[in-house]
């Protein structure tokens, strides 16, 4: 029986794995003896349809099985509810998944959420604008969501791990995602939501795009890493780790970026290198050689 490398739904995984004592389950376990089963759970960095994203570039270098969950545009609270995490934990355990790659949280600081934080007429420096986000409790709420998710996912037990990621320092403030004849059809569901997500709000608050760039680095690159990812890794040391993209030198070039917050296809390919290093380190030793 030939297993797929990529599964698009839990129903497909259920069909492929059968019951615990079935031949299908024996084949599943044999395939996974030295290969990982990984769920990629996230928003647009894992699911944008416009080109090969971080999920595609990461898993294309892995000899294993993957399941993709989530979709673009959702906040963390809508993406990783406690009930979903509890349900997924049972499924990950029963199907012997090794790892979940988590790409969730950036949307909490963009678009309409940012509008609500900064009313018209407010003028601030980049540091004061960042402090306002901190004081409004946005990072606290996001960290609580991550903590609740890890608490539920810890029920999987064994060698199960979760690997998140931070954000590279964005460079193209105010840039809208461009479509062409090749990806226009794929972009159709996203029309009206192709950015920019930060500059329309912050141009009324900050003095220039240079200040918006500084604010974005404080918010997404440093703030999300230091106030959400690092505390989660500290609190759930045996379960959660993350790839820090803040030092990816290629990201400092504007050509790395497709729009205001998304790398290009080549940019995502560059990020897959440090991300897969983190994935490899999180897997059991017998499965690490499956990750390229």
Protein backbone atom coordinates (compact mmCIF):
# COMPACT_ATOMS: atom_id res chain seq x y z
CA UNK A 1 0.00 0.00 0.00
CA UNK A 2 1.44 3.37 -1.07
CA UNK A 3 1.02 6.23 1.37
CA UNK A 4 0.84 9.84 0.22
CA UNK A 5 3.47 12.33 1.28
CA UNK A 6 0.94 15.15 1.71
CA UNK A 7 -2.52 14.94 3.25
CA UNK A 8 -5.01 17.78 2.98
CA UNK A 9 -7.47 16.79 5.71
CA UNK A 10 -7.91 14.68 8.82
CA UNK A 11 -10.41 12.57 6.89
CA UNK A 12 -7.68 11.60 4.43
CA UNK A 13 -5.31 10.75 7.29
CA UNK A 14 -8.03 8.67 8.96
CA UNK A 15 -8.61 6.73 5.74
CA UNK A 16 -4.87 6.14 5.25
CA UNK A 17 -4.26 4.94 8.82
CA UNK A 18 -7.27 2.69 9.40
CA UNK A 19 -7.94 1.23 12.83
CA UNK A 20 -5.16 0.58 15.39
CA UNK A 21 -4.89 -3.12 14.54
CA UNK A 22 -5.40 -2.82 10.79
CA UNK A 23 -2.92 -3.48 8.01
CA UNK A 24 -3.15 0.21 7.07
CA UNK A 25 -1.94 1.21 10.53
CA UNK A 26 0.95 -1.29 10.35
CA UNK A 27 2.06 0.19 7.05
CA UNK A 28 1.74 3.72 8.49
CA UNK A 29 3.97 2.76 11.42
CA UNK A 30 6.50 1.07 9.17
CA UNK A 31 6.81 4.17 7.00
CA UNK A 32 7.19 6.37 10.07
CA UNK A 33 9.81 4.21 11.76
CA UNK A 34 12.55 6.47 10.39
CA UNK A 35 10.48 9.25 8.86
CA UNK A 36 8.50 12.00 10.58
CA UNK A 37 4.81 12.78 10.43
CA UNK A 38 4.49 16.56 10.63
CA UNK A 39 1.42 18.81 10.78
CA UNK A 40 1.96 22.35 9.48
CA UNK A 41 -0.58 24.55 11.25
CA UNK A 42 -0.64 28.21 10.32
CA UNK A 43 -1.78 31.24 8.43
CA UNK A 44 -0.49 32.70 5.15
CA UNK A 45 3.21 31.85 5.59
CA UNK A 46 2.12 28.22 5.38
CA UNK A 47 -0.92 28.60 3.13
CA UNK A 48 -0.63 31.45 0.63
CA UNK A 49 -1.69 30.03 -2.75
CA UNK A 50 0.24 32.60 -4.81
CA UNK A 51 3.56 30.72 -4.86
CA UNK A 52 5.60 28.13 -2.98
CA UNK A 53 5.43 29.22 0.65
CA UNK A 54 7.39 28.30 3.78
CA UNK A 55 5.43 25.06 4.24
CA UNK A 56 6.19 23.97 0.67
CA UNK A 57 9.91 24.75 0.88
CA UNK A 58 10.27 23.17 4.31
CA UNK A 59 8.49 19.91 3.58
CA UNK A 60 9.89 19.51 0.06
CA UNK A 61 13.22 18.80 1.80
CA UNK A 62 11.79 16.25 4.23
CA UNK A 63 11.27 12.54 3.60
CA UNK A 64 8.10 11.96 5.55
CA UNK A 65 4.36 12.65 5.74
CA UNK A 66 2.69 16.01 6.22
CA UNK A 67 -0.75 17.40 6.99
CA UNK A 68 -1.53 21.09 6.49
CA UNK A 69 -3.98 22.85 8.80
CA UNK A 70 -5.20 26.44 9.00
CA UNK A 71 -5.45 29.16 6.37
CA UNK A 72 -4.60 32.80 5.67
CA UNK A 73 -5.85 35.84 7.54
CA UNK A 74 -6.97 34.49 10.90
CA UNK A 75 -5.86 35.77 14.29
CA UNK A 76 -4.35 33.39 16.83
CA UNK A 77 -7.56 33.33 18.87
CA UNK A 78 -9.54 32.11 15.87
CA UNK A 79 -6.84 29.73 14.65
CA UNK A 80 -5.86 27.85 17.80
CA UNK A 81 -8.86 27.56 20.07
CA UNK A 82 -8.56 25.44 23.18
CA UNK A 83 -11.13 22.95 21.90
CA UNK A 84 -9.30 22.59 18.57
CA UNK A 85 -6.01 22.01 20.37
CA UNK A 86 -7.60 19.36 22.59
CA UNK A 87 -9.13 17.65 19.57
CA UNK A 88 -5.89 17.82 17.58
CA UNK A 89 -3.87 16.50 20.51
CA UNK A 90 -5.99 13.34 20.54
CA UNK A 91 -5.57 12.92 16.78
CA UNK A 92 -1.81 13.58 16.82
CA UNK A 93 -1.42 11.00 19.56
CA UNK A 94 -3.59 8.33 17.94
CA UNK A 95 -1.86 8.74 14.54
CA UNK A 96 1.60 9.00 16.12
CA UNK A 97 2.56 12.38 14.71
CA UNK A 98 6.03 13.53 15.69
CA UNK A 99 5.71 17.26 15.41
CA UNK A 100 3.56 20.31 14.71
CA UNK A 101 5.01 23.31 12.90
CA UNK A 102 3.18 26.40 14.15
CA UNK A 103 2.99 29.68 12.17
CA UNK A 104 0.45 31.78 14.03
CA UNK A 105 0.36 35.25 15.60
CA UNK A 106 1.47 37.86 13.07
CA UNK A 107 -2.09 38.76 12.07
CA UNK A 108 -2.81 39.88 15.63
CA UNK A 109 -0.68 42.98 15.00
CA UNK A 110 -1.91 43.96 11.54
CA UNK A 111 -4.90 45.27 9.64
CA UNK A 112 -8.07 45.97 11.59
CA UNK A 113 -6.40 44.95 14.86
CA UNK A 114 -3.83 47.71 14.38
CA UNK A 115 -6.54 50.24 13.54
CA UNK A 116 -8.20 49.61 16.89
CA UNK A 117 -4.91 50.20 18.72
CA UNK A 118 -4.16 53.55 17.07
CA UNK A 119 -7.12 55.96 16.68
CA UNK A 120 -6.91 58.91 14.29
CA UNK A 121 -5.02 61.95 15.56
CA UNK A 122 -2.49 60.02 17.60
CA UNK A 123 1.15 60.88 16.78
CA UNK A 124 3.92 58.83 18.37
CA UNK A 125 7.55 57.80 17.97
CA UNK A 126 8.24 54.19 16.93
CA UNK A 127 9.21 53.23 20.50
CA UNK A 128 6.14 54.92 22.00
CA UNK A 129 3.91 53.22 19.43
CA UNK A 130 5.42 49.86 20.34
CA UNK A 131 4.98 50.59 24.05
CA UNK A 132 1.32 51.34 23.37
CA UNK A 133 0.86 47.88 21.84
CA UNK A 134 2.57 46.36 24.87
CA UNK A 135 0.46 48.36 27.33
CA UNK A 136 -2.75 47.42 25.54
CA UNK A 137 -1.97 43.78 26.39
CA UNK A 138 -1.77 42.42 22.84
CA UNK A 139 1.39 40.43 23.52
CA UNK A 140 -0.03 39.21 26.85
CA UNK A 141 -3.17 37.86 25.18
CA UNK A 142 -1.19 36.20 22.41
CA UNK A 143 1.20 34.62 24.91
CA UNK A 144 -1.78 33.27 26.87
CA UNK A 145 -3.13 31.68 23.69
CA UNK A 146 0.23 30.03 23.02
CA UNK A 147 0.43 28.82 26.63
CA UNK A 148 -3.11 27.37 26.45
CA UNK A 149 -2.29 25.65 23.15
CA UNK A 150 0.90 24.11 24.56
CA UNK A 151 -0.95 22.93 27.65
CA UNK A 152 -3.43 21.03 25.48
CA UNK A 153 -0.79 19.72 23.05
CA UNK A 154 1.37 18.46 25.90
CA UNK A 155 -1.24 15.71 26.30
CA UNK A 156 0.18 14.04 23.18
CA UNK A 157 3.18 12.99 25.29
CA UNK A 158 6.11 10.87 24.20
CA UNK A 159 8.62 12.65 21.96
CA UNK A 160 6.00 14.94 20.41
CA UNK A 161 7.22 18.51 19.76
CA UNK A 162 5.98 21.88 18.50
CA UNK A 163 8.22 24.17 16.44
CA UNK A 164 7.26 27.80 15.83
CA UNK A 165 9.09 30.60 14.08
CA UNK A 166 9.68 34.31 14.38
CA UNK A 167 9.66 36.95 11.66
CA UNK A 168 12.49 38.27 9.55
CA UNK A 169 12.87 42.08 9.65
CA UNK A 170 10.50 43.36 6.98
CA UNK A 171 11.76 45.93 4.45
CA UNK A 172 8.93 46.97 2.12
CA UNK A 173 6.65 49.17 4.20
CA UNK A 174 3.46 50.04 2.32
CA UNK A 175 3.94 47.54 -0.51
CA UNK A 176 0.85 45.75 -1.79
CA UNK A 177 1.07 42.20 -3.07
CA UNK A 178 1.21 42.09 -6.87
CA UNK A 179 -0.54 39.57 -9.04
CA UNK A 180 0.18 38.60 -12.61
CA UNK A 181 -1.48 36.50 -15.27
CA UNK A 182 0.00 33.32 -13.73
CA UNK A 183 -1.29 33.77 -10.20
CA UNK A 184 -4.36 35.98 -10.66
CA UNK A 185 -6.73 33.02 -10.49
CA UNK A 186 -5.07 31.77 -7.31
CA UNK A 187 -5.25 35.25 -5.82
CA UNK A 188 -8.99 35.59 -6.43
CA UNK A 189 -9.97 34.51 -2.89
CA UNK A 190 -7.50 37.06 -1.49
CA UNK A 191 -8.54 40.10 -3.51
CA UNK A 192 -9.20 42.88 -1.00
CA UNK A 193 -6.74 41.31 1.40
CA UNK A 194 -3.40 41.64 -0.35
CA UNK A 195 -2.07 44.42 1.83
CA UNK A 196 -0.54 46.58 2.90
CA UNK A 197 -1.56 45.75 6.46
CA UNK A 198 0.65 48.08 8.51
CA UNK A 199 1.34 51.35 6.69
CA UNK A 200 -2.28 52.55 6.08
CA UNK A 201 -2.75 52.77 9.85
CA UNK A 202 0.73 53.79 10.95
CA UNK A 203 1.21 56.60 8.38
CA UNK A 204 -1.18 58.64 10.54
CA UNK A 205 0.80 57.81 13.67
CA UNK A 206 4.46 57.83 12.60
CA UNK A 207 6.39 60.50 10.74
CA UNK A 208 7.77 58.41 7.87
CA UNK A 209 8.15 54.97 6.36
CA UNK A 210 11.55 54.80 8.03
CA UNK A 211 9.85 55.16 11.41
CA UNK A 212 7.24 52.58 10.36
CA UNK A 213 10.09 50.21 9.50
CA UNK A 214 11.57 50.69 12.98
CA UNK A 215 8.15 50.12 14.55
CA UNK A 216 7.62 46.96 12.48
CA UNK A 217 10.94 45.53 13.65
CA UNK A 218 10.07 46.26 17.28
CA UNK A 219 6.60 44.75 16.83
CA UNK A 220 7.02 41.66 14.66
CA UNK A 221 10.70 40.74 14.75
CA UNK A 222 11.71 41.56 18.31
CA UNK A 223 8.43 41.89 20.18
CA UNK A 224 6.82 38.68 18.95
CA UNK A 225 10.06 36.76 19.51
CA UNK A 226 10.84 38.14 22.98
CA UNK A 227 7.31 38.45 24.38
CA UNK A 228 5.58 35.40 22.90
CA UNK A 229 7.94 32.79 21.46
CA UNK A 230 10.77 32.98 24.01
CA UNK A 231 8.46 32.85 27.08
CA UNK A 232 6.59 29.90 25.54
CA UNK A 233 9.86 28.06 24.92
CA UNK A 234 10.93 28.78 28.51
CA UNK A 235 7.62 27.67 30.03
CA UNK A 236 7.30 24.54 27.86
CA UNK A 237 10.96 23.70 27.48
CA UNK A 238 10.48 20.01 26.64
CA UNK A 239 7.71 20.67 24.11
CA UNK A 240 8.17 23.97 22.26
CA UNK A 241 11.06 25.54 20.35
CA UNK A 242 11.27 28.07 17.55
CA UNK A 243 13.41 29.28 14.66
CA UNK A 244 14.61 32.86 15.04
CA UNK A 245 14.62 34.53 11.61
CA UNK A 246 15.84 37.91 12.87
CA UNK A 247 19.41 37.32 11.68
CA UNK A 248 18.64 36.01 8.18
CA UNK A 249 20.84 38.34 6.15
CA UNK A 250 19.02 37.78 2.86
CA UNK A 251 15.90 39.36 4.39
CA UNK A 252 17.65 42.74 4.58
CA UNK A 253 17.33 43.06 0.80
CA UNK A 254 14.00 44.45 -0.47
CA UNK A 255 13.99 41.82 -3.24
CA UNK A 256 13.52 39.18 -0.50
CA UNK A 257 9.99 40.49 0.09
CA UNK A 258 6.86 39.98 -2.02
CA UNK A 259 4.82 42.58 -0.15
CA UNK A 260 4.79 44.26 3.23
CA UNK A 261 4.88 41.08 5.34
CA UNK A 262 5.39 38.09 3.00
CA UNK A 263 8.71 36.94 1.53
CA UNK A 264 8.90 35.99 -2.11
CA UNK A 265 9.10 32.35 -3.14
CA UNK A 266 12.90 32.63 -3.05
CA UNK A 267 12.66 34.33 0.33
CA UNK A 268 10.65 31.48 1.78
CA UNK A 269 13.22 29.07 0.34
CA UNK A 270 15.94 30.89 2.28
CA UNK A 271 13.91 30.74 5.51
CA UNK A 272 13.39 27.00 5.10
CA UNK A 273 17.08 26.46 5.89
CA UNK A 274 16.98 27.69 9.51
CA UNK A 275 13.44 26.39 9.95
CA UNK A 276 14.39 22.85 8.99
CA UNK A 277 17.38 23.03 11.32
CA UNK A 278 14.92 23.67 14.16
CA UNK A 279 12.66 20.84 12.95
CA UNK A 280 15.57 18.42 12.73
CA UNK A 281 16.71 19.26 16.25
CA UNK A 282 13.20 18.66 17.62
CA UNK A 283 12.75 15.21 16.07
CA UNK A 284 13.88 11.91 17.61
CA UNK A 285 17.46 11.04 16.57
CA UNK A 286 16.31 8.15 14.33
CA UNK A 287 14.29 10.57 12.17
CA UNK A 288 16.65 13.54 11.91
CA UNK A 289 18.39 12.31 8.77
CA UNK A 290 15.03 12.52 6.96
CA UNK A 291 15.17 16.32 7.17
CA UNK A 292 17.20 18.13 4.51
